[in-house]
C-alpha atoms as a PDB file:
ATOM      1  CA  MET A   1      -3.581 342.010   3.296  1.00  0.00           C
ATOM      2  CA  GLU A   2      -4.460 339.333   0.828  1.00  0.00           C
ATOM      3  CA  HIS A   3      -8.010 338.210   0.236  1.00  0.00           C
ATOM      4  CA  PHE A   4      -8.777 334.694  -0.883  1.00  0.00           C
ATOM      5  CA  LEU A   5     -12.059 334.149  -2.661  1.00  0.00           C
ATOM      6  CA  ASP A   6     -13.645 330.718  -2.960  1.00  0.00           C
ATOM      7  CA  LEU A   7     -15.897 329.992  -5.897  1.00  0.00           C
ATOM      8  CA  ARG A   8     -19.293 328.821  -4.700  1.00  0.00           C
ATOM      9  CA  ASP A   9     -21.956 326.944  -6.616  1.00  0.00           C
ATOM     10  CA  THR A  10     -24.841 329.411  -6.682  1.00  0.00           C
ATOM     11  CA  ALA A  11     -27.055 327.408  -9.037  1.00  0.00           C
ATOM     12  CA  SER A  12     -30.525 326.735  -7.700  1.00  0.00           C
ATOM     13  CA  LYS A  13     -31.207 323.259  -6.366  1.00  0.00           C
ATOM     14  CA  ASP A  14     -34.915 323.809  -5.772  1.00  0.00           C
ATOM     15  CA  TRP A  15     -35.905 321.826  -8.859  1.00  0.00           C
ATOM     16  CA  ALA A  16     -33.975 318.804  -7.570  1.00  0.00           C
ATOM     17  CA  THR A  17     -35.529 319.102  -4.125  1.00  0.00           C
ATOM     18  CA  ILE A  18     -38.990 319.076  -5.717  1.00  0.00           C
ATOM     19  CA  LEU A  19     -38.136 315.936  -7.686  1.00  0.00           C
ATOM     20  CA  PHE A  20     -36.773 314.150  -4.616  1.00  0.00           C
ATOM     21  CA  VAL A  21     -39.964 315.030  -2.727  1.00  0.00           C
ATOM     22  CA  ILE A  22     -42.064 313.726  -5.652  1.00  0.00           C
ATOM     23  CA  CYS A  23     -40.129 310.450  -5.520  1.00  0.00           C
ATOM     24  CA  LEU A  24     -40.801 310.133  -1.780  1.00  0.00           C
ATOM     25  CA  ILE A  25     -44.491 310.770  -2.400  1.00  0.00           C
ATOM     26  CA  LEU A  26     -44.542 308.096  -5.118  1.00  0.00           C
ATOM     27  CA  VAL A  27     -42.822 305.612  -2.802  1.00  0.00           C
ATOM     28  CA  THR A  28     -45.384 306.403  -0.095  1.00  0.00           C
ATOM     29  CA  ILE A  29     -48.289 305.954  -2.518  1.00  0.00           C
ATOM     30  CA  THR A  30     -46.869 302.662  -3.790  1.00  0.00           C
ATOM     31  CA  LYS A  31     -46.345 301.292  -0.286  1.00  0.00           C
ATOM     32  CA  THR A  32     -49.796 302.449   0.851  1.00  0.00           C
ATOM     33  CA  PHE A  33     -51.829 301.001  -2.006  1.00  0.00           C
ATOM     34  CA  PHE A  34     -49.676 297.893  -2.600  1.00  0.00           C
ATOM     35  CA  GLU A  35     -48.417 297.189   0.909  1.00  0.00           C
ATOM     36  CA  ASN A  36     -48.048 293.396   0.730  1.00  0.00           C
ATOM     37  CA  ARG A  37     -46.558 293.488  -2.739  1.00  0.00           C
ATOM     38  CA  PHE A  38     -44.152 296.267  -1.796  1.00  0.00           C
ATOM     39  CA  ASN A  39     -42.946 294.338   1.259  1.00  0.00           C
ATOM     40  CA  GLU A  40     -42.190 291.311  -0.912  1.00  0.00           C
ATOM     41  CA  PHE A  41     -40.596 293.513  -3.550  1.00  0.00           C
ATOM     42  CA  ILE A  42     -37.982 295.084  -1.249  1.00  0.00           C
ATOM     43  CA  ARG A  43     -36.816 291.570  -0.302  1.00  0.00           C
ATOM     44  CA  LEU A  44     -36.149 290.695  -3.930  1.00  0.00           C
ATOM     45  CA  PHE A  45     -32.370 290.440  -3.488  1.00  0.00           C
ATOM     46  CA  LEU A  46     -32.811 288.087  -0.530  1.00  0.00           C
ATOM     47  CA  ASN A  47     -35.232 285.649  -2.160  1.00  0.00           C
ATOM     48  CA  ASP A  48     -37.192 285.236  -5.380  1.00  0.00           C
ATOM     49  CA  LYS A  49     -40.624 284.823  -3.764  1.00  0.00           C
ATOM     50  CA  TYR A  50     -41.808 288.079  -5.365  1.00  0.00           C
ATOM     51  CA  LEU A  51     -40.836 286.844  -8.838  1.00  0.00           C
ATOM     52  CA  LYS A  52     -42.734 283.596  -8.328  1.00  0.00           C
ATOM     53  CA  ILE A  53     -45.893 285.371  -7.162  1.00  0.00           C
ATOM     54  CA  TYR A  54     -45.924 288.133  -9.788  1.00  0.00           C
ATOM     55  CA  LYS A  55     -44.452 286.246 -12.737  1.00  0.00           C
ATOM     56  CA  ASP A  56     -47.323 286.920 -15.135  1.00  0.00           C
ATOM     57  CA  SER A  57     -46.335 289.289 -17.974  1.00  0.00           C
ATOM     58  CA  THR A  58     -49.412 291.456 -17.304  1.00  0.00           C
ATOM     59  CA  ASN A  59     -47.555 292.776 -14.241  1.00  0.00           C
ATOM     60  CA  LEU A  60     -45.244 294.620 -16.599  1.00  0.00           C
ATOM     61  CA  LEU A  61     -47.798 297.380 -17.250  1.00  0.00           C
ATOM     62  CA  ASN A  62     -49.730 297.695 -13.982  1.00  0.00           C
ATOM     63  CA  TRP A  63     -49.666 300.719 -11.662  1.00  0.00           C
ATOM     64  CA  PHE A  64     -47.213 299.193  -9.208  1.00  0.00           C
ATOM     65  CA  THR A  65     -44.608 298.687 -11.918  1.00  0.00           C
ATOM     66  CA  ILE A  66     -45.324 302.059 -13.559  1.00  0.00           C
ATOM     67  CA  LEU A  67     -44.887 304.020 -10.301  1.00  0.00           C
ATOM     68  CA  LEU A  68     -41.606 302.258  -9.546  1.00  0.00           C
ATOM     69  CA  PHE A  69     -40.474 302.792 -13.126  1.00  0.00           C
ATOM     70  CA  VAL A  70     -40.947 306.575 -12.776  1.00  0.00           C
ATOM     71  CA  ILE A  71     -38.918 306.535  -9.543  1.00  0.00           C
ATOM     72  CA  GLN A  72     -36.252 304.431 -11.236  1.00  0.00           C
ATOM     73  CA  LEU A  73     -36.062 306.797 -14.205  1.00  0.00           C
ATOM     74  CA  ILE A  74     -35.650 309.879 -11.998  1.00  0.00           C
ATOM     75  CA  SER A  75     -33.124 308.107  -9.777  1.00  0.00           C
ATOM     76  CA  PHE A  76     -30.931 306.878 -12.649  1.00  0.00           C
ATOM     77  CA  THR A  77     -31.107 310.265 -14.390  1.00  0.00           C
ATOM     78  CA  PHE A  78     -29.868 311.967 -11.222  1.00  0.00           C
ATOM     79  CA  LEU A  79     -27.137 309.372 -10.816  1.00  0.00           C
ATOM     80  CA  THR A  80     -25.982 309.733 -14.435  1.00  0.00           C
ATOM     81  CA  GLN A  81     -25.859 313.524 -14.197  1.00  0.00           C
ATOM     82  CA  ILE A  82     -23.942 313.376 -10.918  1.00  0.00           C
ATOM     83  CA  ILE A  83     -21.399 310.906 -12.334  1.00  0.00           C
ATOM     84  CA  LEU A  84     -20.962 313.056 -15.451  1.00  0.00           C
ATOM     85  CA  SER A  85     -20.450 316.108 -13.225  1.00  0.00           C
ATOM     86  CA  TYR A  86     -17.563 314.369 -11.436  1.00  0.00           C
ATOM     87  CA  PHE A  87     -15.937 313.836 -14.836  1.00  0.00           C
ATOM     88  CA  GLY A  88     -16.451 317.518 -15.661  1.00  0.00           C
ATOM     89  CA  ILE A  89     -18.914 316.908 -18.498  1.00  0.00           C
ATOM     90  CA  VAL A  90     -22.011 318.619 -17.046  1.00  0.00           C
ATOM     91  CA  SER A  91     -23.048 320.456 -13.894  1.00  0.00           C
ATOM     92  CA  LYS A  92     -25.113 318.390 -11.466  1.00  0.00           C
ATOM     93  CA  THR A  93     -27.274 321.447 -10.636  1.00  0.00           C
ATOM     94  CA  ASP A  94     -28.183 322.122 -14.279  1.00  0.00           C
ATOM     95  CA  GLY A  95     -31.934 321.523 -14.520  1.00  0.00           C
ATOM     96  CA  ILE A  96     -31.917 321.754 -18.328  1.00  0.00           C
ATOM     97  CA  LYS A  97     -29.368 318.953 -18.559  1.00  0.00           C
ATOM     98  CA  PHE A  98     -31.504 316.844 -16.256  1.00  0.00           C
ATOM     99  CA  ILE A  99     -34.517 317.300 -18.557  1.00  0.00           C
ATOM    100  CA  GLN A 100     -32.371 316.376 -21.563  1.00  0.00           C
ATOM    101  CA  LEU A 101     -31.015 313.244 -19.874  1.00  0.00           C
ATOM    102  CA  PHE A 102     -34.472 312.284 -18.579  1.00  0.00           C
ATOM    103  CA  THR A 103     -35.936 312.648 -22.083  1.00  0.00           C
ATOM    104  CA  LEU A 104     -33.047 310.685 -23.589  1.00  0.00           C
ATOM    105  CA  PHE A 105     -33.510 307.790 -21.152  1.00  0.00           C
ATOM    106  CA  SER A 106     -37.298 307.794 -21.582  1.00  0.00           C
ATOM    107  CA  VAL A 107     -37.127 307.688 -25.379  1.00  0.00           C
ATOM    108  CA  PHE A 108     -34.322 305.119 -25.288  1.00  0.00           C
ATOM    109  CA  ILE A 109     -36.149 302.720 -22.945  1.00  0.00           C
ATOM    110  CA  LEU A 110     -39.533 302.990 -24.677  1.00  0.00           C
ATOM    111  CA  SER A 111     -37.996 302.647 -28.147  1.00  0.00           C
ATOM    112  CA  LYS A 112     -35.927 299.675 -27.005  1.00  0.00           C
ATOM    113  CA  TYR A 113     -39.008 298.012 -25.537  1.00  0.00           C
ATOM    114  CA  LEU A 114     -40.997 298.401 -28.784  1.00  0.00           C
ATOM    115  CA  ILE A 115     -38.110 297.107 -30.897  1.00  0.00           C
ATOM    116  CA  GLU A 116     -37.711 294.161 -28.526  1.00  0.00           C
ATOM    117  CA  LYS A 117     -41.372 293.283 -29.008  1.00  0.00           C
ATOM    118  CA  ILE A 118     -40.970 293.326 -32.799  1.00  0.00           C
ATOM    119  CA  ILE A 119     -37.769 291.260 -32.812  1.00  0.00           C
ATOM    120  CA  ALA A 120     -39.118 288.789 -30.244  1.00  0.00           C
ATOM    121  CA  THR A 121     -42.177 288.214 -32.436  1.00  0.00           C
ATOM    122  CA  SER A 122     -39.981 287.745 -35.500  1.00  0.00           C
ATOM    123  CA  PHE A 123     -37.755 285.215 -33.705  1.00  0.00           C
ATOM    124  CA  SER A 124     -40.711 283.487 -31.981  1.00  0.00           C
ATOM    125  CA  ILE A 125     -39.297 284.082 -28.496  1.00  0.00           C
ATOM    126  CA  GLU A 126     -42.150 286.227 -27.170  1.00  0.00           C
ATOM    127  CA  GLU A 127     -42.496 284.220 -23.949  1.00  0.00           C
ATOM    128  CA  PHE A 128     -38.842 284.616 -23.075  1.00  0.00           C
ATOM    129  CA  SER A 129     -38.804 288.300 -24.068  1.00  0.00           C
ATOM    130  CA  GLU A 130     -41.795 289.174 -21.878  1.00  0.00           C
ATOM    131  CA  ASN A 131     -40.476 287.322 -18.842  1.00  0.00           C
ATOM    132  CA  PHE A 132     -36.959 288.636 -19.410  1.00  0.00           C
ATOM    133  CA  ASN A 133     -38.266 292.213 -19.510  1.00  0.00           C
ATOM    134  CA  LEU A 134     -40.320 291.639 -16.369  1.00  0.00           C
ATOM    135  CA  TYR A 135     -37.269 290.360 -14.502  1.00  0.00           C
ATOM    136  CA  LYS A 136     -35.157 293.299 -15.663  1.00  0.00           C
ATOM    137  CA  VAL A 137     -37.829 295.835 -14.745  1.00  0.00           C
ATOM    138  CA  ASN A 138     -38.217 294.367 -11.258  1.00  0.00           C
ATOM    139  CA  TYR A 139     -34.522 294.251 -10.454  1.00  0.00           C
ATOM    140  CA  ARG A 140     -33.778 297.677 -11.929  1.00  0.00           C
ATOM    141  CA  ALA A 141     -36.741 299.215 -10.139  1.00  0.00           C
ATOM    142  CA  LEU A 142     -35.341 297.931  -6.845  1.00  0.00           C
ATOM    143  CA  ILE A 143     -31.859 299.208  -7.736  1.00  0.00           C
ATOM    144  CA  GLY A 144     -33.361 302.602  -8.597  1.00  0.00           C
ATOM    145  CA  LEU A 145     -35.163 302.652  -5.261  1.00  0.00           C
ATOM    146  CA  LEU A 146     -31.984 301.830  -3.348  1.00  0.00           C
ATOM    147  CA  VAL A 147     -29.894 304.299  -5.353  1.00  0.00           C
ATOM    148  CA  LEU A 148     -32.302 307.206  -4.716  1.00  0.00           C
ATOM    149  CA  PRO A 149     -31.002 308.140  -1.218  1.00  0.00           C
ATOM    150  CA  ILE A 150     -27.414 307.779  -2.479  1.00  0.00           C
ATOM    151  CA  THR A 151     -28.089 310.234  -5.303  1.00  0.00           C
ATOM    152  CA  ALA A 152     -29.617 312.683  -2.807  1.00  0.00           C
ATOM    153  CA  ILE A 153     -26.470 312.520  -0.651  1.00  0.00           C
ATOM    154  CA  LEU A 154     -24.205 312.968  -3.672  1.00  0.00           C
ATOM    155  CA  PHE A 155     -26.295 315.829  -5.017  1.00  0.00           C
ATOM    156  CA  TYR A 156     -26.293 317.939  -1.865  1.00  0.00           C
ATOM    157  CA  ASN A 157     -22.702 317.185  -0.870  1.00  0.00           C
ATOM    158  CA  GLU A 158     -19.329 317.485  -2.565  1.00  0.00           C
ATOM    159  CA  PHE A 159     -16.830 314.623  -2.459  1.00  0.00           C
ATOM    160  CA  SER A 160     -13.310 315.427  -3.587  1.00  0.00           C
ATOM    161  CA  SER A 161     -12.332 311.776  -4.053  1.00  0.00           C
ATOM    162  CA  MET A 162     -13.392 309.857  -7.169  1.00  0.00           C
ATOM    163  CA  ILE A 163     -12.908 306.503  -5.466  1.00  0.00           C
ATOM    164  CA  PHE A 164     -16.477 306.413  -4.177  1.00  0.00           C
ATOM    165  CA  ILE A 165     -17.841 307.122  -7.669  1.00  0.00           C
ATOM    166  CA  TYR A 166     -15.781 304.310  -9.198  1.00  0.00           C
ATOM    167  CA  ILE A 167     -16.875 301.914  -6.454  1.00  0.00           C
ATOM    168  CA  LEU A 168     -20.522 302.870  -7.010  1.00  0.00           C
ATOM    169  CA  ILE A 169     -20.245 302.296 -10.772  1.00  0.00           C
ATOM    170  CA  PHE A 170     -18.550 298.935 -10.201  1.00  0.00           C
ATOM    171  CA  ILE A 171     -21.235 297.807  -7.741  1.00  0.00           C
ATOM    172  CA  LEU A 172     -24.082 298.781 -10.097  1.00  0.00           C
ATOM    173  CA  LEU A 173     -22.451 296.992 -13.043  1.00  0.00           C
ATOM    174  CA  THR A 174     -21.844 293.904 -10.915  1.00  0.00           C
ATOM    175  CA  ILE A 175     -25.467 293.807  -9.737  1.00  0.00           C
ATOM    176  CA  ASN A 176     -26.674 294.133 -13.331  1.00  0.00           C
ATOM    177  CA  VAL A 177     -24.460 291.254 -14.470  1.00  0.00           C
ATOM    178  CA  ILE A 178     -25.668 289.061 -11.592  1.00  0.00           C
ATOM    179  CA  THR A 179     -29.332 289.768 -12.386  1.00  0.00           C
ATOM    180  CA  TYR A 180     -28.740 288.951 -16.067  1.00  0.00           C
ATOM    181  CA  VAL A 181     -27.103 285.646 -15.161  1.00  0.00           C
ATOM    182  CA  LYS A 182     -29.917 284.742 -12.736  1.00  0.00           C
ATOM    183  CA  THR A 183     -32.525 285.532 -15.368  1.00  0.00           C
ATOM    184  CA  LEU A 184     -30.787 283.489 -18.064  1.00  0.00           C
ATOM    185  CA  LYS A 185     -30.400 280.589 -15.646  1.00  0.00           C
ATOM    186  CA  THR A 186     -34.110 280.717 -14.836  1.00  0.00           C
ATOM    187  CA  TYR A 187     -35.128 280.568 -18.497  1.00  0.00           C
ATOM    188  CA  GLN A 188     -32.354 278.359 -19.869  1.00  0.00           C
ATOM    189  CA  SER A 189     -34.867 275.672 -20.823  1.00  0.00           C
ATOM    190  CA  LEU A 190     -36.596 278.141 -23.160  1.00  0.00           C
ATOM    191  CA  LEU A 191     -33.310 279.141 -24.783  1.00  0.00           C
ATOM    192  CA  ILE A 192     -31.834 275.762 -25.609  1.00  0.00           C
ATOM    193  CA  GLY A 193     -33.968 275.295 -28.715  1.00  0.00           C
ATOM    194  CA  LYS A 194     -33.606 278.912 -29.879  1.00  0.00           C
ATOM    195  CA  LEU A 195     -30.050 279.727 -28.866  1.00  0.00           C
ATOM    196  CA  PHE A 196     -29.074 281.310 -32.197  1.00  0.00           C
ATOM    197  CA  TYR A 197     -32.009 283.733 -32.162  1.00  0.00           C
ATOM    198  CA  PHE A 198     -31.321 284.579 -28.540  1.00  0.00           C
ATOM    199  CA  ILE A 199     -27.693 285.477 -29.317  1.00  0.00           C
ATOM    200  CA  LEU A 200     -28.876 287.803 -32.086  1.00  0.00           C
ATOM    201  CA  TYR A 201     -31.457 289.270 -29.704  1.00  0.00           C
ATOM    202  CA  LEU A 202     -28.840 289.748 -26.978  1.00  0.00           C
ATOM    203  CA  CYS A 203     -26.317 291.437 -29.269  1.00  0.00           C
ATOM    204  CA  ALA A 204     -28.875 293.668 -30.991  1.00  0.00           C
ATOM    205  CA  LEU A 205     -30.798 294.860 -27.930  1.00  0.00           C
ATOM    206  CA  GLU A 206     -28.742 294.187 -24.797  1.00  0.00           C
ATOM    207  CA  ILE A 207     -25.213 295.090 -25.916  1.00  0.00           C
ATOM    208  CA  ALA A 208     -25.290 297.377 -28.961  1.00  0.00           C
ATOM    209  CA  PRO A 209     -27.598 300.118 -27.518  1.00  0.00           C
ATOM    210  CA  TYR A 210     -25.481 300.577 -24.392  1.00  0.00           C
ATOM    211  CA  TYR A 211     -22.295 300.623 -26.452  1.00  0.00           C
ATOM    212  CA  PHE A 212     -23.675 303.396 -28.665  1.00  0.00           C
ATOM    213  CA  ILE A 213     -24.742 305.417 -25.606  1.00  0.00           C
ATOM    214  CA  TYR A 214     -21.247 305.003 -24.121  1.00  0.00           C
ATOM    215  CA  TYR A 215     -19.683 305.977 -27.453  1.00  0.00           C
ATOM    216  CA  TRP A 216     -21.966 309.051 -27.731  1.00  0.00           C
ATOM    217  CA  PHE A 217     -21.165 310.237 -24.184  1.00  0.00           C
ATOM    218  CA  THR A 218     -17.393 309.760 -24.560  1.00  0.00           C
ATOM    219  CA  ARG A 219     -17.315 311.479 -27.971  1.00  0.00           C
ATOM    220  CA  SER A 220     -19.471 314.342 -26.734  1.00  0.00           C
END
């Protein structure tokens, strides 16, 4: 009689469960203390009323934005680790890898933000830079919020087909491109007189960093 043994993933998923619960708690806190703002925020893809109401750059560092940024960071870290696991680069249940990716994203985003501030001041495009960052933060926070349940499903379930992963990547890239175009269209009047500096800004901080991250991941 032949015995067939199936390899099972015995790695603990408790750490991930705790993080998903923390995200749910943060969403609950955000909705409770900022109910009206949260309701407008989740309709961001349907209309730009939220952007018109909370367009002041001071909204970039208030508690509403900070709480959603933490959720976004956890959500995108999970998503990145899950995608890398489907390509056989890391294990999606590896808590150490999650901490490494989370730290990498945190340092990358904060460093990029500080460098953007310096370059924007040098090129005298501070107004555009602040509003551009606010738009990006809002849209990406909403994407992170919507992606969170998808990452939970992907984490606790195994999908043999890679088609879903490729579709998910394509959708996220498409949404990012659309949000960039909408933002540039909104602030085109500010860019006409400083188009050269904006192109340098765009290449240095919106294209090069992501290329280097892609290069680092593929080479690793």
